[in-house]
Each structure stands twice: as structure tokens, then as C-alpha cells.
């Protein structure tokens, strides 16, 4: 299975890559910042989706910008990381399956487990950017 993980240098991306490698999958990853994060040599690393010249079976969208100091702070990074990356992946890998890592910020105080039909809370700007990513997928 050929996989692509966006945000491969983050906590979720690194751990997902390790599990995919354990089962023998071919893993490629895209990072935006902090490439210093140690990743296994078996992972093909790219800085942008545009640099990937092969198809993949599954795209794990784990990348995202989280404005921890103020979830309602308008920022171009919300658009770049949380929307443009999703759009680029869906346009580039039209025949792939997508797994989108969203956020509890979309559903707020919804009861667990959160499902596709769960009601939206009162999402912050960050939560709205993740919600928009869900709609793109």
C-alpha cells in the first residue's frame, strides 16, 4: 500500500508513519516546518505535495496549524495549512482514499464518540478552518 502522510513531522504523523511501516506499507510524507524531527530512513520526505510524482493509495491528512494562544486569531496560516494543503491533496491525488484528522474544536462539547453526523459546537476560527477541510474532503 502506498501512503502519503501530510504533517509527517508532527506527533500524529510520526506515529502513523511508524505503524504504516510496521505493516510493510510504502510511506511518503510532507512536512511544512521543523524537518529536524527524526523520521525513519524508509520514509520518502517532501516539502510540498507538488514534488510528489507518483500516485498513492491512501492520503492521511494530519497537517494543520493550531493557533494555541488564540483559537480565534485570524491568520493566513489557518488558510495555508488547514485549507490549501487539503485542496492541493484532493486535486493531486483524485483517485486516492483520504483520511482526514479533524479536531475536537469543530464539535466542541459534543458527546463522544464524535461521528460524521454529530452537531457542530460553536467552532473558533481554527475549528471553522478544520470544518472547511472536512467539507473539502
N, C-alpha and C. Protein backbone atom coordinates (compact mmCIF):
# COMPACT_ATOMS: atom_id res chain seq x y z
N UNK A 1 0.85 -1.17 0.00
CA UNK A 1 0.00 0.00 0.00
C UNK A 1 0.90 1.23 0.00
N UNK A 2 0.64 2.15 -0.92
CA UNK A 2 1.40 3.39 -0.99
C UNK A 2 0.63 4.48 -0.25
N UNK A 3 1.28 5.08 0.75
CA UNK A 3 0.61 6.08 1.57
C UNK A 3 1.36 7.40 1.54
N UNK A 4 0.61 8.45 1.77
CA UNK A 4 1.16 9.79 1.93
C UNK A 4 0.60 10.35 3.23
N UNK A 5 1.49 10.90 4.05
CA UNK A 5 1.08 11.50 5.31
C UNK A 5 1.49 12.96 5.30
N UNK A 6 0.51 13.87 5.33
CA UNK A 6 0.85 15.29 5.48
C UNK A 6 1.01 15.55 6.97
N UNK A 7 1.94 16.41 7.31
CA UNK A 7 2.23 16.65 8.72
C UNK A 7 2.99 15.50 9.34
N UNK A 8 3.84 14.87 8.53
CA UNK A 8 4.56 13.67 8.99
C UNK A 8 5.52 13.97 10.14
N UNK A 9 5.90 15.20 10.30
CA UNK A 9 6.83 15.55 11.37
C UNK A 9 6.13 15.86 12.69
N UNK A 10 4.81 15.85 12.71
CA UNK A 10 4.06 16.08 13.94
C UNK A 10 3.86 14.78 14.71
N UNK A 11 3.30 14.89 15.89
CA UNK A 11 3.09 13.73 16.75
C UNK A 11 2.25 12.65 16.05
N UNK A 12 1.11 13.04 15.53
CA UNK A 12 0.23 12.08 14.87
C UNK A 12 0.89 11.50 13.62
N UNK A 13 1.48 12.34 12.80
CA UNK A 13 2.13 11.88 11.57
C UNK A 13 3.27 10.92 11.80
N UNK A 14 4.13 11.22 12.77
CA UNK A 14 5.27 10.34 13.08
C UNK A 14 4.80 8.97 13.53
N UNK A 15 3.82 8.95 14.42
CA UNK A 15 3.33 7.67 14.95
C UNK A 15 2.57 6.88 13.89
N UNK A 16 1.83 7.56 13.06
CA UNK A 16 1.14 6.89 11.96
C UNK A 16 2.14 6.30 10.98
N UNK A 17 3.19 7.04 10.67
CA UNK A 17 4.24 6.54 9.78
C UNK A 17 4.87 5.27 10.33
N UNK A 18 5.15 5.26 11.62
CA UNK A 18 5.74 4.07 12.24
C UNK A 18 4.82 2.86 12.10
N UNK A 19 3.52 3.05 12.31
CA UNK A 19 2.57 1.94 12.19
C UNK A 19 2.46 1.46 10.74
N UNK A 20 2.44 2.39 9.80
CA UNK A 20 2.36 2.02 8.38
C UNK A 20 3.60 1.23 7.97
N UNK A 21 4.76 1.65 8.43
CA UNK A 21 6.00 0.93 8.10
C UNK A 21 5.98 -0.47 8.73
N UNK A 22 5.44 -0.58 9.93
CA UNK A 22 5.36 -1.89 10.60
C UNK A 22 4.60 -2.92 9.78
N UNK A 23 3.58 -2.48 9.06
CA UNK A 23 2.78 -3.42 8.27
C UNK A 23 3.28 -3.52 6.83
N UNK A 24 4.42 -2.89 6.56
CA UNK A 24 5.06 -3.03 5.25
C UNK A 24 4.59 -2.08 4.17
N UNK A 25 3.93 -1.02 4.55
CA UNK A 25 3.47 -0.05 3.57
C UNK A 25 4.59 0.89 3.15
N UNK A 26 4.50 1.38 1.93
CA UNK A 26 5.42 2.38 1.40
C UNK A 26 4.92 3.74 1.90
N UNK A 27 5.78 4.46 2.62
CA UNK A 27 5.35 5.71 3.26
C UNK A 27 6.10 6.90 2.69
N UNK A 28 5.33 7.89 2.25
CA UNK A 28 5.86 9.19 1.88
C UNK A 28 5.26 10.21 2.83
N UNK A 29 5.98 11.29 3.04
CA UNK A 29 5.48 12.29 3.96
C UNK A 29 5.80 13.70 3.50
N UNK A 30 4.91 14.61 3.86
CA UNK A 30 5.08 16.03 3.56
C UNK A 30 5.19 16.76 4.89
N UNK A 31 6.15 17.66 4.96
CA UNK A 31 6.31 18.48 6.15
C UNK A 31 6.32 19.94 5.72
N UNK A 32 5.97 20.80 6.63
CA UNK A 32 5.99 22.23 6.33
C UNK A 32 7.16 22.90 7.04
N UNK A 33 7.30 22.60 8.31
CA UNK A 33 8.37 23.20 9.11
C UNK A 33 8.99 22.14 9.98
N UNK A 34 10.08 22.49 10.60
CA UNK A 34 10.72 21.65 11.61
C UNK A 34 11.14 20.28 11.06
N UNK A 35 11.79 20.26 9.94
CA UNK A 35 12.24 19.00 9.34
C UNK A 35 13.24 18.28 10.23
N UNK A 36 13.71 18.93 11.27
CA UNK A 36 14.70 18.32 12.15
C UNK A 36 14.14 17.11 12.89
N UNK A 37 12.82 16.94 12.88
CA UNK A 37 12.20 15.79 13.54
C UNK A 37 12.74 14.51 12.92
N UNK A 38 13.20 13.59 13.75
CA UNK A 38 13.76 12.34 13.26
C UNK A 38 12.67 11.46 12.69
N UNK A 39 12.87 11.02 11.47
CA UNK A 39 11.95 10.10 10.80
C UNK A 39 12.75 8.91 10.28
N UNK A 40 12.13 7.75 10.18
CA UNK A 40 12.85 6.58 9.67
C UNK A 40 13.38 6.81 8.26
N UNK A 41 14.51 6.22 7.94
CA UNK A 41 15.11 6.36 6.61
C UNK A 41 14.19 5.83 5.51
N UNK A 42 13.31 4.90 5.85
CA UNK A 42 12.42 4.30 4.86
C UNK A 42 11.34 5.26 4.37
N UNK A 43 11.15 6.40 5.03
CA UNK A 43 10.12 7.36 4.65
C UNK A 43 10.67 8.29 3.57
N UNK A 44 9.93 8.43 2.49
CA UNK A 44 10.26 9.40 1.43
C UNK A 44 9.71 10.75 1.87
N UNK A 45 10.57 11.74 2.01
CA UNK A 45 10.19 13.03 2.57
C UNK A 45 10.14 14.10 1.48
N UNK A 46 9.07 14.91 1.52
CA UNK A 46 8.89 16.00 0.57
C UNK A 46 8.48 17.25 1.34
N UNK A 47 8.83 18.41 0.79
CA UNK A 47 8.42 19.64 1.45
C UNK A 47 7.06 20.12 0.94
N UNK A 48 6.69 19.73 -0.28
CA UNK A 48 5.37 20.09 -0.80
C UNK A 48 4.76 18.90 -1.54
N UNK A 49 3.46 18.90 -1.64
CA UNK A 49 2.74 17.87 -2.39
C UNK A 49 3.12 17.92 -3.86
N UNK A 50 3.40 19.11 -4.36
CA UNK A 50 3.74 19.28 -5.78
C UNK A 50 4.98 18.49 -6.19
N UNK A 51 5.85 18.18 -5.24
CA UNK A 51 7.09 17.46 -5.55
C UNK A 51 6.90 15.95 -5.65
N UNK A 52 5.72 15.45 -5.35
CA UNK A 52 5.48 14.01 -5.37
C UNK A 52 5.00 13.62 -6.76
N UNK A 53 5.72 12.70 -7.41
CA UNK A 53 5.44 12.38 -8.80
C UNK A 53 4.88 10.98 -8.99
N UNK A 54 4.35 10.41 -7.93
CA UNK A 54 3.71 9.10 -8.08
C UNK A 54 2.36 9.13 -7.38
N UNK A 55 1.51 8.19 -7.75
CA UNK A 55 0.20 8.11 -7.11
C UNK A 55 0.32 7.37 -5.79
N UNK A 56 -0.65 7.60 -4.93
CA UNK A 56 -0.70 6.91 -3.64
C UNK A 56 -2.10 6.34 -3.47
N UNK A 57 -2.18 5.29 -2.65
CA UNK A 57 -3.47 4.66 -2.38
C UNK A 57 -4.26 5.40 -1.31
N UNK A 58 -3.56 5.83 -0.26
CA UNK A 58 -4.21 6.50 0.87
C UNK A 58 -3.44 7.77 1.21
N UNK A 59 -4.17 8.85 1.41
CA UNK A 59 -3.60 10.10 1.88
C UNK A 59 -4.14 10.35 3.28
N UNK A 60 -3.23 10.42 4.24
CA UNK A 60 -3.58 10.76 5.62
C UNK A 60 -3.29 12.25 5.80
N UNK A 61 -4.32 13.05 5.99
CA UNK A 61 -4.16 14.48 6.15
C UNK A 61 -4.08 14.81 7.64
N UNK A 62 -2.84 14.85 8.13
CA UNK A 62 -2.59 15.09 9.56
C UNK A 62 -2.05 16.49 9.81
N UNK A 63 -1.71 17.21 8.75
CA UNK A 63 -1.13 18.54 8.91
C UNK A 63 -2.18 19.54 9.35
N UNK A 64 -1.75 20.52 10.07
CA UNK A 64 -2.66 21.59 10.46
C UNK A 64 -1.94 22.61 11.32
N UNK A 65 -2.38 23.83 11.20
CA UNK A 65 -1.87 24.90 12.04
C UNK A 65 -2.86 25.13 13.17
N UNK A 66 -2.37 25.08 14.39
CA UNK A 66 -3.20 25.31 15.57
C UNK A 66 -2.67 26.56 16.28
N UNK A 67 -3.45 27.64 16.29
CA UNK A 67 -3.01 28.86 16.98
C UNK A 67 -3.31 28.76 18.48
N UNK A 68 -2.47 28.02 19.19
CA UNK A 68 -2.72 27.70 20.59
C UNK A 68 -2.99 28.92 21.47
N UNK A 69 -2.35 30.03 21.17
CA UNK A 69 -2.51 31.21 22.02
C UNK A 69 -3.90 31.83 21.87
N UNK A 70 -4.49 31.75 20.68
CA UNK A 70 -5.79 32.36 20.45
C UNK A 70 -6.47 31.65 19.28
N UNK A 71 -7.38 30.76 19.59
CA UNK A 71 -8.04 29.95 18.56
C UNK A 71 -8.93 30.79 17.63
N UNK A 72 -9.18 32.05 18.01
CA UNK A 72 -9.98 32.94 17.17
C UNK A 72 -9.13 33.99 16.46
N UNK A 73 -7.83 33.79 16.46
CA UNK A 73 -6.93 34.73 15.82
C UNK A 73 -6.92 34.52 14.31
N UNK A 74 -7.36 35.52 13.53
CA UNK A 74 -7.29 35.35 12.08
C UNK A 74 -5.83 35.27 11.64
N UNK A 75 -5.55 34.31 10.79
CA UNK A 75 -4.17 34.12 10.36
C UNK A 75 -4.14 33.49 8.99
N UNK A 76 -3.26 33.99 8.11
CA UNK A 76 -3.10 33.33 6.81
C UNK A 76 -2.66 31.88 6.94
N UNK A 77 -1.99 31.55 8.06
CA UNK A 77 -1.55 30.16 8.26
C UNK A 77 -2.72 29.21 8.40
N UNK A 78 -3.85 29.68 8.94
CA UNK A 78 -5.04 28.83 9.01
C UNK A 78 -5.46 28.41 7.60
N UNK A 79 -5.43 29.35 6.69
CA UNK A 79 -5.83 29.07 5.30
C UNK A 79 -4.78 28.19 4.63
N UNK A 80 -3.51 28.56 4.76
CA UNK A 80 -2.44 27.81 4.10
C UNK A 80 -2.37 26.36 4.56
N UNK A 81 -2.33 26.15 5.86
CA UNK A 81 -2.15 24.80 6.41
C UNK A 81 -3.43 23.99 6.43
N UNK A 82 -4.52 24.61 6.82
CA UNK A 82 -5.73 23.84 7.07
C UNK A 82 -6.66 23.74 5.88
N UNK A 83 -6.45 24.57 4.85
CA UNK A 83 -7.30 24.51 3.67
C UNK A 83 -6.51 24.25 2.39
N UNK A 84 -5.49 25.06 2.13
CA UNK A 84 -4.76 24.91 0.87
C UNK A 84 -4.08 23.55 0.75
N UNK A 85 -3.59 23.02 1.85
CA UNK A 85 -2.98 21.68 1.81
C UNK A 85 -4.01 20.63 1.46
N UNK A 86 -5.20 20.74 2.03
CA UNK A 86 -6.28 19.79 1.73
C UNK A 86 -6.69 19.90 0.27
N UNK A 87 -6.85 21.11 -0.21
CA UNK A 87 -7.22 21.31 -1.61
C UNK A 87 -6.16 20.74 -2.54
N UNK A 88 -4.89 21.03 -2.27
CA UNK A 88 -3.80 20.52 -3.11
C UNK A 88 -3.79 18.99 -3.14
N UNK A 89 -4.01 18.37 -2.00
CA UNK A 89 -4.00 16.90 -1.94
C UNK A 89 -5.17 16.31 -2.71
N UNK A 90 -6.35 16.89 -2.55
CA UNK A 90 -7.52 16.33 -3.25
C UNK A 90 -7.42 16.54 -4.76
N UNK A 91 -6.80 17.62 -5.18
CA UNK A 91 -6.62 17.85 -6.62
C UNK A 91 -5.53 16.94 -7.19
N UNK A 92 -4.45 16.76 -6.45
CA UNK A 92 -3.31 15.98 -6.94
C UNK A 92 -3.58 14.47 -6.90
N UNK A 93 -4.29 14.00 -5.89
CA UNK A 93 -4.49 12.56 -5.68
C UNK A 93 -5.98 12.21 -5.78
N UNK A 94 -6.58 12.50 -6.91
CA UNK A 94 -8.02 12.34 -7.12
C UNK A 94 -8.51 10.91 -6.94
N UNK A 95 -7.67 9.93 -7.19
CA UNK A 95 -8.09 8.53 -7.12
C UNK A 95 -7.71 7.86 -5.81
N UNK A 96 -7.23 8.63 -4.86
CA UNK A 96 -6.80 8.08 -3.57
C UNK A 96 -7.93 8.13 -2.56
N UNK A 97 -7.79 7.31 -1.52
CA UNK A 97 -8.68 7.41 -0.37
C UNK A 97 -8.07 8.42 0.60
N UNK A 98 -8.93 9.14 1.30
CA UNK A 98 -8.47 10.17 2.22
C UNK A 98 -8.92 9.87 3.65
N UNK A 99 -7.99 10.08 4.57
CA UNK A 99 -8.30 10.03 5.99
C UNK A 99 -7.92 11.41 6.53
N UNK A 100 -8.91 12.12 7.06
CA UNK A 100 -8.71 13.49 7.49
C UNK A 100 -8.73 13.58 9.00
N UNK A 101 -7.64 14.06 9.57
CA UNK A 101 -7.57 14.28 11.02
C UNK A 101 -8.15 15.66 11.29
N UNK A 102 -9.37 15.67 11.80
CA UNK A 102 -10.03 16.94 12.08
C UNK A 102 -9.70 17.37 13.49
N UNK A 103 -10.65 17.94 14.19
CA UNK A 103 -10.36 18.49 15.51
C UNK A 103 -11.60 18.49 16.38
N UNK A 104 -11.39 18.30 17.65
CA UNK A 104 -12.49 18.41 18.60
C UNK A 104 -13.04 19.84 18.60
N UNK A 105 -12.25 20.78 18.13
CA UNK A 105 -12.70 22.18 18.08
C UNK A 105 -13.88 22.38 17.14
N UNK A 106 -14.09 21.46 16.21
CA UNK A 106 -15.22 21.55 15.30
C UNK A 106 -16.52 21.26 16.04
N UNK A 107 -16.49 20.27 16.91
CA UNK A 107 -17.71 19.80 17.55
C UNK A 107 -17.88 20.26 18.99
N UNK A 108 -16.87 20.91 19.52
CA UNK A 108 -16.97 21.47 20.87
C UNK A 108 -17.38 20.44 21.90
N UNK A 109 -18.48 20.65 22.57
CA UNK A 109 -18.91 19.80 23.66
C UNK A 109 -19.77 18.62 23.24
N UNK A 110 -19.69 18.20 21.99
CA UNK A 110 -20.49 17.06 21.53
C UNK A 110 -20.15 15.83 22.35
N UNK A 111 -21.13 14.98 22.53
CA UNK A 111 -20.87 13.75 23.27
C UNK A 111 -19.99 12.82 22.44
N UNK A 112 -19.21 12.02 23.15
CA UNK A 112 -18.29 11.10 22.49
C UNK A 112 -18.97 9.76 22.26
N UNK A 113 -18.62 9.04 21.22
CA UNK A 113 -17.66 9.42 20.20
C UNK A 113 -18.28 10.40 19.20
N UNK A 114 -17.44 11.23 18.62
CA UNK A 114 -17.87 12.16 17.59
C UNK A 114 -17.98 11.39 16.28
N UNK A 115 -19.07 11.58 15.59
CA UNK A 115 -19.31 10.91 14.31
C UNK A 115 -19.61 11.95 13.24
N UNK A 116 -19.69 11.50 11.99
CA UNK A 116 -19.97 12.43 10.89
C UNK A 116 -21.23 13.26 11.13
N UNK A 117 -22.24 12.68 11.72
CA UNK A 117 -23.49 13.38 11.94
C UNK A 117 -23.57 14.16 13.24
N UNK A 118 -22.49 14.18 14.01
CA UNK A 118 -22.50 14.91 15.27
C UNK A 118 -22.70 16.40 15.01
N UNK A 119 -23.45 17.08 15.88
CA UNK A 119 -23.68 18.51 15.67
C UNK A 119 -22.39 19.31 15.89
N UNK A 120 -22.32 20.44 15.23
CA UNK A 120 -21.18 21.32 15.41
C UNK A 120 -21.39 22.11 16.69
N UNK A 121 -20.28 22.40 17.38
CA UNK A 121 -20.36 23.25 18.56
C UNK A 121 -20.40 24.69 18.09
N UNK A 122 -19.71 25.53 18.77
CA UNK A 122 -19.52 26.92 18.34
C UNK A 122 -18.05 27.04 17.99
N UNK A 123 -17.66 26.56 16.80
CA UNK A 123 -16.23 26.50 16.50
C UNK A 123 -15.56 27.86 16.44
N UNK A 124 -14.32 27.88 16.90
CA UNK A 124 -13.46 29.06 16.77
C UNK A 124 -13.06 29.18 15.30
N UNK A 125 -12.29 30.21 14.98
CA UNK A 125 -11.78 30.33 13.61
C UNK A 125 -10.94 29.10 13.25
N UNK A 126 -10.16 28.61 14.19
CA UNK A 126 -9.40 27.39 13.95
C UNK A 126 -10.36 26.23 13.66
N UNK A 127 -11.38 26.05 14.49
CA UNK A 127 -12.35 24.99 14.28
C UNK A 127 -13.06 25.12 12.95
N UNK A 128 -13.38 26.35 12.56
CA UNK A 128 -14.01 26.57 11.26
C UNK A 128 -13.08 26.19 10.11
N UNK A 129 -11.78 26.44 10.27
CA UNK A 129 -10.84 26.07 9.20
C UNK A 129 -10.76 24.54 9.06
N UNK A 130 -10.83 23.82 10.19
CA UNK A 130 -10.83 22.35 10.13
C UNK A 130 -12.16 21.84 9.58
N UNK A 131 -13.25 22.49 9.93
CA UNK A 131 -14.56 22.12 9.40
C UNK A 131 -14.59 22.31 7.89
N UNK A 132 -14.02 23.41 7.42
CA UNK A 132 -13.95 23.64 5.97
C UNK A 132 -13.15 22.53 5.30
N UNK A 133 -12.07 22.08 5.94
CA UNK A 133 -11.30 20.95 5.41
C UNK A 133 -12.13 19.70 5.30
N UNK A 134 -13.00 19.46 6.30
CA UNK A 134 -13.89 18.29 6.24
C UNK A 134 -14.81 18.39 5.03
N UNK A 135 -15.34 19.57 4.77
CA UNK A 135 -16.25 19.74 3.64
C UNK A 135 -15.52 19.57 2.31
N UNK A 136 -14.27 19.98 2.25
CA UNK A 136 -13.48 19.79 1.02
C UNK A 136 -13.31 18.30 0.74
N UNK A 137 -13.00 17.54 1.77
CA UNK A 137 -12.85 16.10 1.61
C UNK A 137 -14.18 15.50 1.20
